[in-house]
Amino acid sequence: MKAFIVVLLAMAIVLVASFPAADFANLEDPSSAELERANRVARSSAWDDDDHGTIKEITVHKTVHVPVPYPVEKKVPVVVEKKVPVIITKTAPVSIKIKRVKKHKHTG
């Protein structure tokens, strides 16, 4: 059990060390951090008019606090990544042409 806790703490330390410093500056105001991340994802997605009705996957980042096991009384921020399908509902003009074909018989 002790080895499991040590491994878990080591993984948490490595995970926290891999975060950029800017993310820790925004932890006090999570709404601005989430908004900035959402804007970054929207800018990098590069959707255009040809994407009407298509489904694209974007990666959504959300910071959640996970309590570390009992020997340490500290909360460690963890980034959870989940891919969410997004349907683009932008309206685009659609033209449909219906062509009727006469049936013909072969007489022989």
N, C-alpha and C. Protein backbone atom coordinates (compact mmCIF):
# COMPACT_ATOMS: atom_id res chain seq x y z
N MET A 1 0.83 -1.19 0.00
CA MET A 1 0.00 0.00 0.00
C MET A 1 0.87 1.26 0.00
N LYS A 2 1.97 1.20 0.76
CA LYS A 2 2.86 2.35 0.82
C LYS A 2 3.50 2.64 -0.54
N ALA A 3 3.86 1.57 -1.25
CA ALA A 3 4.47 1.74 -2.58
C ALA A 3 3.47 2.37 -3.54
N PHE A 4 2.22 1.96 -3.44
CA PHE A 4 1.18 2.53 -4.30
C PHE A 4 1.03 4.03 -4.07
N ILE A 5 1.04 4.44 -2.81
CA ILE A 5 0.91 5.86 -2.47
C ILE A 5 2.12 6.64 -2.99
N VAL A 6 3.31 6.07 -2.85
CA VAL A 6 4.53 6.74 -3.33
C VAL A 6 4.48 6.90 -4.84
N VAL A 7 4.05 5.85 -5.55
CA VAL A 7 3.96 5.93 -7.01
C VAL A 7 2.92 6.96 -7.42
N LEU A 8 1.79 6.98 -6.73
CA LEU A 8 0.74 7.94 -7.04
C LEU A 8 1.21 9.38 -6.81
N LEU A 9 1.92 9.60 -5.72
CA LEU A 9 2.45 10.94 -5.44
C LEU A 9 3.49 11.35 -6.48
N ALA A 10 4.34 10.41 -6.89
CA ALA A 10 5.35 10.71 -7.91
C ALA A 10 4.68 11.09 -9.23
N MET A 11 3.62 10.35 -9.59
CA MET A 11 2.91 10.66 -10.83
C MET A 11 2.25 12.04 -10.73
N ALA A 12 1.70 12.38 -9.57
CA ALA A 12 1.07 13.69 -9.38
C ALA A 12 2.10 14.81 -9.48
N ILE A 13 3.29 14.59 -8.92
CA ILE A 13 4.34 15.61 -8.98
C ILE A 13 4.80 15.82 -10.42
N VAL A 14 4.97 14.72 -11.16
CA VAL A 14 5.38 14.83 -12.57
C VAL A 14 4.31 15.55 -13.37
N LEU A 15 3.05 15.23 -13.10
CA LEU A 15 1.95 15.86 -13.82
C LEU A 15 1.89 17.36 -13.53
N VAL A 16 2.04 17.73 -12.27
CA VAL A 16 2.00 19.15 -11.90
C VAL A 16 3.20 19.89 -12.49
N ALA A 17 4.35 19.25 -12.51
CA ALA A 17 5.56 19.89 -13.05
C ALA A 17 5.45 20.12 -14.55
N SER A 18 4.61 19.33 -15.23
CA SER A 18 4.49 19.48 -16.68
C SER A 18 3.55 20.61 -17.09
N PHE A 19 2.82 21.20 -16.15
CA PHE A 19 1.92 22.30 -16.48
C PHE A 19 2.70 23.57 -16.77
N PRO A 20 2.25 24.38 -17.74
CA PRO A 20 2.88 25.69 -17.93
C PRO A 20 2.55 26.61 -16.75
N ALA A 21 3.40 27.57 -16.49
CA ALA A 21 3.20 28.48 -15.36
C ALA A 21 1.95 29.33 -15.53
N ALA A 22 1.55 29.62 -16.76
CA ALA A 22 0.38 30.46 -17.00
C ALA A 22 -0.90 29.81 -16.49
N ASP A 23 -0.99 28.47 -16.52
CA ASP A 23 -2.18 27.80 -16.03
C ASP A 23 -2.34 27.97 -14.52
N PHE A 24 -1.22 27.97 -13.78
CA PHE A 24 -1.31 28.15 -12.34
C PHE A 24 -1.70 29.58 -11.99
N ALA A 25 -1.34 30.53 -12.82
CA ALA A 25 -1.71 31.92 -12.55
C ALA A 25 -3.21 32.11 -12.66
N ASN A 26 -3.88 31.32 -13.48
CA ASN A 26 -5.32 31.48 -13.70
C ASN A 26 -6.17 30.58 -12.80
N LEU A 27 -5.57 29.84 -11.88
CA LEU A 27 -6.36 28.93 -11.06
C LEU A 27 -7.32 29.68 -10.13
N GLU A 28 -6.96 30.91 -9.71
CA GLU A 28 -7.84 31.66 -8.84
C GLU A 28 -9.12 32.07 -9.56
N ASP A 29 -9.03 32.32 -10.85
CA ASP A 29 -10.18 32.74 -11.65
C ASP A 29 -10.44 31.69 -12.73
N PRO A 30 -11.12 30.58 -12.39
CA PRO A 30 -11.28 29.50 -13.37
C PRO A 30 -12.10 29.87 -14.58
N SER A 31 -13.01 30.85 -14.44
CA SER A 31 -13.85 31.20 -15.59
C SER A 31 -13.02 31.82 -16.71
N SER A 32 -12.06 32.67 -16.36
CA SER A 32 -11.23 33.28 -17.41
C SER A 32 -10.29 32.26 -18.04
N ALA A 33 -9.80 31.31 -17.24
CA ALA A 33 -8.92 30.28 -17.79
C ALA A 33 -9.68 29.38 -18.76
N GLU A 34 -10.89 28.98 -18.38
CA GLU A 34 -11.69 28.12 -19.26
C GLU A 34 -12.08 28.86 -20.53
N LEU A 35 -12.41 30.15 -20.40
CA LEU A 35 -12.78 30.94 -21.57
C LEU A 35 -11.60 31.10 -22.52
N GLU A 36 -10.42 31.33 -21.97
CA GLU A 36 -9.23 31.48 -22.81
C GLU A 36 -8.91 30.17 -23.53
N ARG A 37 -9.07 29.03 -22.84
CA ARG A 37 -8.85 27.73 -23.48
C ARG A 37 -9.86 27.49 -24.59
N ALA A 38 -11.13 27.84 -24.34
CA ALA A 38 -12.16 27.64 -25.35
C ALA A 38 -11.88 28.49 -26.59
N ASN A 39 -11.42 29.72 -26.38
CA ASN A 39 -11.09 30.58 -27.51
C ASN A 39 -9.91 30.03 -28.30
N ARG A 40 -8.93 29.48 -27.59
CA ARG A 40 -7.76 28.90 -28.27
C ARG A 40 -8.19 27.70 -29.13
N VAL A 41 -9.08 26.86 -28.60
CA VAL A 41 -9.56 25.71 -29.37
C VAL A 41 -10.35 26.17 -30.59
N ALA A 42 -11.18 27.19 -30.41
CA ALA A 42 -11.99 27.69 -31.53
C ALA A 42 -11.12 28.27 -32.63
N ARG A 43 -10.05 28.98 -32.25
CA ARG A 43 -9.17 29.56 -33.26
C ARG A 43 -8.38 28.49 -34.00
N SER A 44 -8.01 27.41 -33.30
CA SER A 44 -7.16 26.40 -33.93
C SER A 44 -7.96 25.40 -34.74
N SER A 45 -9.28 25.41 -34.62
CA SER A 45 -10.09 24.41 -35.32
C SER A 45 -10.19 24.67 -36.81
N ALA A 46 -10.18 25.93 -37.22
CA ALA A 46 -10.20 26.33 -38.63
C ALA A 46 -11.37 25.71 -39.38
N TRP A 47 -12.59 25.99 -38.94
CA TRP A 47 -13.77 25.52 -39.65
C TRP A 47 -14.14 26.54 -40.71
N ASP A 48 -14.66 26.08 -41.82
CA ASP A 48 -15.10 27.01 -42.85
C ASP A 48 -16.47 26.59 -43.38
N ASP A 49 -16.91 27.22 -44.47
CA ASP A 49 -18.26 26.98 -44.99
C ASP A 49 -18.47 25.55 -45.47
N ASP A 50 -17.41 24.85 -45.86
CA ASP A 50 -17.56 23.48 -46.36
C ASP A 50 -17.86 22.49 -45.24
N ASP A 51 -17.77 22.91 -43.99
CA ASP A 51 -17.95 22.00 -42.87
C ASP A 51 -19.39 21.94 -42.37
N HIS A 52 -20.34 22.48 -43.13
CA HIS A 52 -21.74 22.49 -42.69
C HIS A 52 -22.24 21.07 -42.46
N GLY A 53 -22.77 20.81 -41.28
CA GLY A 53 -23.35 19.51 -40.97
C GLY A 53 -22.36 18.42 -40.69
N THR A 54 -21.07 18.72 -40.70
CA THR A 54 -20.08 17.68 -40.42
C THR A 54 -19.84 17.59 -38.92
N ILE A 55 -19.29 16.48 -38.51
CA ILE A 55 -18.97 16.27 -37.10
C ILE A 55 -17.46 16.31 -36.97
N LYS A 56 -16.97 17.19 -36.12
CA LYS A 56 -15.53 17.27 -35.86
C LYS A 56 -15.30 16.98 -34.40
N GLU A 57 -14.13 16.47 -34.09
CA GLU A 57 -13.78 16.23 -32.70
C GLU A 57 -12.79 17.29 -32.26
N ILE A 58 -13.10 17.92 -31.13
CA ILE A 58 -12.15 18.85 -30.54
C ILE A 58 -11.81 18.32 -29.15
N THR A 59 -10.68 18.70 -28.64
CA THR A 59 -10.28 18.27 -27.31
C THR A 59 -10.65 19.36 -26.32
N VAL A 60 -11.41 18.97 -25.31
CA VAL A 60 -11.86 19.91 -24.29
C VAL A 60 -11.01 19.70 -23.05
N HIS A 61 -10.41 20.78 -22.54
CA HIS A 61 -9.59 20.69 -21.34
C HIS A 61 -10.38 21.28 -20.17
N LYS A 62 -10.43 20.57 -19.08
CA LYS A 62 -11.08 21.09 -17.88
C LYS A 62 -10.20 20.75 -16.69
N THR A 63 -9.93 21.73 -15.86
CA THR A 63 -9.11 21.50 -14.68
C THR A 63 -10.02 21.11 -13.52
N VAL A 64 -9.75 19.96 -12.93
CA VAL A 64 -10.50 19.51 -11.76
C VAL A 64 -9.52 19.25 -10.63
N HIS A 65 -9.99 19.36 -9.41
CA HIS A 65 -9.13 19.12 -8.25
C HIS A 65 -9.43 17.73 -7.69
N VAL A 66 -8.40 16.92 -7.59
CA VAL A 66 -8.55 15.55 -7.11
C VAL A 66 -7.82 15.45 -5.77
N PRO A 67 -8.50 15.01 -4.72
CA PRO A 67 -7.80 14.88 -3.44
C PRO A 67 -6.79 13.73 -3.48
N VAL A 68 -5.60 14.01 -2.97
CA VAL A 68 -4.54 13.00 -2.91
C VAL A 68 -4.85 12.09 -1.72
N PRO A 69 -4.43 10.81 -1.74
CA PRO A 69 -4.72 9.91 -0.60
C PRO A 69 -4.31 10.49 0.76
N TYR A 70 -4.87 9.91 1.81
CA TYR A 70 -4.87 10.47 3.15
C TYR A 70 -3.55 10.93 3.76
N PRO A 71 -2.35 10.36 3.50
CA PRO A 71 -1.16 10.88 4.19
C PRO A 71 -0.87 12.35 3.88
N VAL A 72 -1.29 12.84 2.72
CA VAL A 72 -1.02 14.23 2.34
C VAL A 72 -2.35 14.96 2.24
N GLU A 73 -2.48 16.06 2.95
CA GLU A 73 -3.73 16.83 2.92
C GLU A 73 -3.56 18.00 1.96
N LYS A 74 -3.57 17.73 0.69
CA LYS A 74 -3.37 18.77 -0.32
C LYS A 74 -4.12 18.35 -1.57
N LYS A 75 -4.70 19.33 -2.27
CA LYS A 75 -5.39 19.03 -3.52
C LYS A 75 -4.45 19.34 -4.68
N VAL A 76 -4.41 18.44 -5.65
CA VAL A 76 -3.52 18.57 -6.80
C VAL A 76 -4.36 18.82 -8.04
N PRO A 77 -4.07 19.88 -8.83
CA PRO A 77 -4.84 20.08 -10.07
C PRO A 77 -4.48 19.05 -11.12
N VAL A 78 -5.48 18.49 -11.76
CA VAL A 78 -5.30 17.47 -12.78
C VAL A 78 -6.06 17.91 -14.02
N VAL A 79 -5.43 17.79 -15.19
CA VAL A 79 -6.09 18.15 -16.45
C VAL A 79 -6.72 16.89 -17.02
N VAL A 80 -8.02 16.94 -17.28
CA VAL A 80 -8.75 15.82 -17.85
C VAL A 80 -9.05 16.16 -19.30
N GLU A 81 -8.63 15.29 -20.22
CA GLU A 81 -8.88 15.54 -21.63
C GLU A 81 -9.96 14.58 -22.11
N LYS A 82 -10.92 15.11 -22.84
CA LYS A 82 -11.99 14.29 -23.37
C LYS A 82 -12.35 14.82 -24.74
N LYS A 83 -12.48 13.93 -25.72
CA LYS A 83 -12.87 14.36 -27.05
C LYS A 83 -14.39 14.38 -27.14
N VAL A 84 -14.91 15.49 -27.60
CA VAL A 84 -16.36 15.68 -27.68
C VAL A 84 -16.73 15.93 -29.13
N PRO A 85 -17.68 15.16 -29.68
CA PRO A 85 -18.09 15.45 -31.07
C PRO A 85 -18.90 16.74 -31.12
N VAL A 86 -18.58 17.58 -32.08
CA VAL A 86 -19.26 18.86 -32.24
C VAL A 86 -19.94 18.88 -33.60
N ILE A 87 -21.24 19.16 -33.63
CA ILE A 87 -21.97 19.26 -34.89
C ILE A 87 -22.09 20.73 -35.24
N ILE A 88 -21.64 21.09 -36.42
CA ILE A 88 -21.70 22.48 -36.87
C ILE A 88 -23.09 22.72 -37.44
N THR A 89 -23.81 23.67 -36.87
CA THR A 89 -25.19 23.90 -37.28
C THR A 89 -25.35 25.20 -38.06
N LYS A 90 -24.30 25.65 -38.68
CA LYS A 90 -24.37 26.87 -39.49
C LYS A 90 -25.22 26.59 -40.72
N THR A 91 -26.17 27.47 -40.99
CA THR A 91 -27.05 27.25 -42.13
C THR A 91 -26.34 27.60 -43.43
N ALA A 92 -26.55 26.77 -44.42
CA ALA A 92 -25.97 27.00 -45.74
C ALA A 92 -27.05 26.69 -46.77
N PRO A 93 -27.10 27.44 -47.87
CA PRO A 93 -28.12 27.15 -48.89
C PRO A 93 -27.87 25.78 -49.53
N VAL A 94 -28.94 25.03 -49.66
CA VAL A 94 -28.85 23.70 -50.26
C VAL A 94 -29.85 23.63 -51.41
N SER A 95 -29.40 23.19 -52.57
CA SER A 95 -30.32 23.03 -53.70
C SER A 95 -30.43 21.54 -54.02
N ILE A 96 -31.65 21.09 -54.17
CA ILE A 96 -31.91 19.69 -54.48
C ILE A 96 -32.64 19.63 -55.81
N LYS A 97 -32.12 18.84 -56.72
CA LYS A 97 -32.77 18.67 -58.02
C LYS A 97 -33.25 17.23 -58.12
N ILE A 98 -34.52 17.08 -58.45
CA ILE A 98 -35.10 15.75 -58.62
C ILE A 98 -35.36 15.55 -60.10
N LYS A 99 -34.80 14.51 -60.63
CA LYS A 99 -34.96 14.23 -62.05
C LYS A 99 -35.73 12.92 -62.20
N ARG A 100 -36.84 13.00 -62.89
CA ARG A 100 -37.63 11.78 -63.11
C ARG A 100 -37.18 11.12 -64.39
N VAL A 101 -37.09 9.83 -64.34
CA VAL A 101 -36.68 9.06 -65.51
C VAL A 101 -37.87 8.22 -65.95
N LYS A 102 -38.21 8.32 -67.25
CA LYS A 102 -39.32 7.52 -67.78
C LYS A 102 -38.87 6.07 -67.88
N LYS A 103 -39.76 5.19 -67.48
CA LYS A 103 -39.46 3.77 -67.64
C LYS A 103 -39.81 3.38 -69.07
N HIS A 104 -38.97 2.63 -69.70
CA HIS A 104 -39.26 2.20 -71.07
C HIS A 104 -39.26 0.67 -71.13
N LYS A 105 -40.04 0.17 -72.04
CA LYS A 105 -40.17 -1.28 -72.19
C LYS A 105 -39.49 -1.71 -73.47
N HIS A 106 -38.91 -2.86 -73.42
CA HIS A 106 -38.32 -3.45 -74.63
C HIS A 106 -39.32 -4.45 -75.21
N THR A 107 -39.72 -4.22 -76.44
CA THR A 107 -40.63 -5.17 -77.09
C THR A 107 -39.82 -5.99 -78.07
N GLY A 108 -40.05 -7.23 -78.09
CA GLY A 108 -39.21 -8.01 -78.96
C GLY A 108 -39.85 -9.12 -79.66
